[in-house]
């Protein structure tokens, strides 16, 4: 799923699903920047399944602005050779 599609999903009130898709980008983030490393570590700690246990791991009230900032960080930290999926 593209980052724009992930943003749209979050805007529709489905942040947990959006985070699940955003997690798929973790291995494509650079390791040469401290902020990128922190983003990568955060994404890797998100449970892979969308279930009730997520509320224990995901900030309960992540604002839309905070989520948008997270997606922006993922986009900025992508490895140079990465190409976005079409959908």
C-alpha atoms as a PDB file:
ATOM      1  CA  UNK A   1       0.000   0.000   0.000  1.00  0.00           C
ATOM      2  CA  UNK A   2       1.382   3.412  -0.907  1.00  0.00           C
ATOM      3  CA  UNK A   3       2.067   6.040   1.751  1.00  0.00           C
ATOM      4  CA  UNK A   4      -0.686   8.228   0.286  1.00  0.00           C
ATOM      5  CA  UNK A   5      -3.160   5.364   0.656  1.00  0.00           C
ATOM      6  CA  UNK A   6      -1.992   4.879   4.235  1.00  0.00           C
ATOM      7  CA  UNK A   7      -2.556   8.585   4.918  1.00  0.00           C
ATOM      8  CA  UNK A   8      -6.082   8.326   3.484  1.00  0.00           C
ATOM      9  CA  UNK A   9      -6.858   5.305   5.625  1.00  0.00           C
ATOM     10  CA  UNK A  10      -5.804   7.202   8.756  1.00  0.00           C
ATOM     11  CA  UNK A  11      -7.866  10.243   7.748  1.00  0.00           C
ATOM     12  CA  UNK A  12     -10.894   7.963   7.541  1.00  0.00           C
ATOM     13  CA  UNK A  13     -10.406   7.061  11.208  1.00  0.00           C
ATOM     14  CA  UNK A  14      -8.630   3.746  10.655  1.00  0.00           C
ATOM     15  CA  UNK A  15      -5.259   4.554  12.215  1.00  0.00           C
ATOM     16  CA  UNK A  16      -4.618   1.053  13.534  1.00  0.00           C
ATOM     17  CA  UNK A  17      -5.007  -0.441  10.074  1.00  0.00           C
ATOM     18  CA  UNK A  18      -2.892   2.365   8.631  1.00  0.00           C
ATOM     19  CA  UNK A  19      -0.153   1.617  11.171  1.00  0.00           C
ATOM     20  CA  UNK A  20      -0.279  -2.053  10.226  1.00  0.00           C
ATOM     21  CA  UNK A  21       0.432  -1.132   6.601  1.00  0.00           C
ATOM     22  CA  UNK A  22       3.036   1.465   7.593  1.00  0.00           C
ATOM     23  CA  UNK A  23       4.892  -1.275   9.497  1.00  0.00           C
ATOM     24  CA  UNK A  24       5.630  -2.961   6.163  1.00  0.00           C
ATOM     25  CA  UNK A  25       7.996  -0.082   5.351  1.00  0.00           C
ATOM     26  CA  UNK A  26      10.267  -0.679   8.385  1.00  0.00           C
ATOM     27  CA  UNK A  27      12.876  -2.748   6.529  1.00  0.00           C
ATOM     28  CA  UNK A  28      13.099  -0.128   3.790  1.00  0.00           C
ATOM     29  CA  UNK A  29      14.264   2.658   6.126  1.00  0.00           C
ATOM     30  CA  UNK A  30      17.836   3.938   6.229  1.00  0.00           C
ATOM     31  CA  UNK A  31      20.159   2.989   9.084  1.00  0.00           C
ATOM     32  CA  UNK A  32      22.431   6.021   8.768  1.00  0.00           C
ATOM     33  CA  UNK A  33      20.344   8.531  10.710  1.00  0.00           C
ATOM     34  CA  UNK A  34      19.373   8.456  14.391  1.00  0.00           C
ATOM     35  CA  UNK A  35      15.808   9.634  13.778  1.00  0.00           C
ATOM     36  CA  UNK A  36      15.316   7.044  11.026  1.00  0.00           C
ATOM     37  CA  UNK A  37      16.598   4.326  13.345  1.00  0.00           C
ATOM     38  CA  UNK A  38      14.081   5.383  16.032  1.00  0.00           C
ATOM     39  CA  UNK A  39      11.233   5.372  13.495  1.00  0.00           C
ATOM     40  CA  UNK A  40      12.320   1.924  12.296  1.00  0.00           C
ATOM     41  CA  UNK A  41      12.430   0.591  15.868  1.00  0.00           C
ATOM     42  CA  UNK A  42       8.978   2.052  16.596  1.00  0.00           C
ATOM     43  CA  UNK A  43       7.472   0.436  13.514  1.00  0.00           C
ATOM     44  CA  UNK A  44       9.023  -2.923  14.342  1.00  0.00           C
ATOM     45  CA  UNK A  45       7.451  -2.902  17.825  1.00  0.00           C
ATOM     46  CA  UNK A  46       3.926  -2.597  16.405  1.00  0.00           C
ATOM     47  CA  UNK A  47       2.125  -5.949  16.600  1.00  0.00           C
ATOM     48  CA  UNK A  48       1.560  -7.539  13.202  1.00  0.00           C
ATOM     49  CA  UNK A  49      -2.102  -8.350  13.825  1.00  0.00           C
ATOM     50  CA  UNK A  50      -4.987  -5.942  14.119  1.00  0.00           C
ATOM     51  CA  UNK A  51      -6.672  -7.043  17.341  1.00  0.00           C
ATOM     52  CA  UNK A  52      -7.636  -5.773  20.778  1.00  0.00           C
ATOM     53  CA  UNK A  53      -4.074  -6.077  22.074  1.00  0.00           C
ATOM     54  CA  UNK A  54      -2.980  -3.210  19.835  1.00  0.00           C
ATOM     55  CA  UNK A  55      -4.292  -0.679  22.323  1.00  0.00           C
ATOM     56  CA  UNK A  56      -1.544  -1.823  24.684  1.00  0.00           C
ATOM     57  CA  UNK A  57       1.171  -0.916  22.175  1.00  0.00           C
ATOM     58  CA  UNK A  58      -0.187   1.957  20.105  1.00  0.00           C
ATOM     59  CA  UNK A  59      -0.594   5.435  21.572  1.00  0.00           C
ATOM     60  CA  UNK A  60      -4.302   5.551  22.321  1.00  0.00           C
ATOM     61  CA  UNK A  61      -4.826   9.129  21.240  1.00  0.00           C
ATOM     62  CA  UNK A  62      -2.321   9.662  18.453  1.00  0.00           C
ATOM     63  CA  UNK A  63      -3.474  12.870  16.851  1.00  0.00           C
ATOM     64  CA  UNK A  64      -3.955  13.149  13.114  1.00  0.00           C
ATOM     65  CA  UNK A  65      -1.011  15.562  13.026  1.00  0.00           C
ATOM     66  CA  UNK A  66       1.219  13.088  14.891  1.00  0.00           C
ATOM     67  CA  UNK A  67       0.249  10.300  12.520  1.00  0.00           C
ATOM     68  CA  UNK A  68       0.913  12.530   9.496  1.00  0.00           C
ATOM     69  CA  UNK A  69       4.331  13.395  10.960  1.00  0.00           C
ATOM     70  CA  UNK A  70       5.100   9.678  11.370  1.00  0.00           C
ATOM     71  CA  UNK A  71       4.225   9.000   7.721  1.00  0.00           C
ATOM     72  CA  UNK A  72       6.356  12.000   6.679  1.00  0.00           C
ATOM     73  CA  UNK A  73       9.284  10.592   8.674  1.00  0.00           C
ATOM     74  CA  UNK A  74       8.883   7.188   7.045  1.00  0.00           C
ATOM     75  CA  UNK A  75       8.864   8.843   3.626  1.00  0.00           C
ATOM     76  CA  UNK A  76      11.963  10.916   4.446  1.00  0.00           C
ATOM     77  CA  UNK A  77      13.817   7.869   5.788  1.00  0.00           C
ATOM     78  CA  UNK A  78      13.207   5.517   2.874  1.00  0.00           C
ATOM     79  CA  UNK A  79      16.324   4.081   1.274  1.00  0.00           C
ATOM     80  CA  UNK A  80      17.200   5.839  -2.011  1.00  0.00           C
ATOM     81  CA  UNK A  81      16.618   2.728  -4.155  1.00  0.00           C
ATOM     82  CA  UNK A  82      13.116   2.147  -2.781  1.00  0.00           C
ATOM     83  CA  UNK A  83      10.275   2.515  -5.268  1.00  0.00           C
ATOM     84  CA  UNK A  84       6.722   3.130  -4.121  1.00  0.00           C
ATOM     85  CA  UNK A  85       4.066   0.522  -4.838  1.00  0.00           C
ATOM     86  CA  UNK A  86       1.466   1.541  -7.392  1.00  0.00           C
ATOM     87  CA  UNK A  87      -1.552   1.125  -5.136  1.00  0.00           C
END
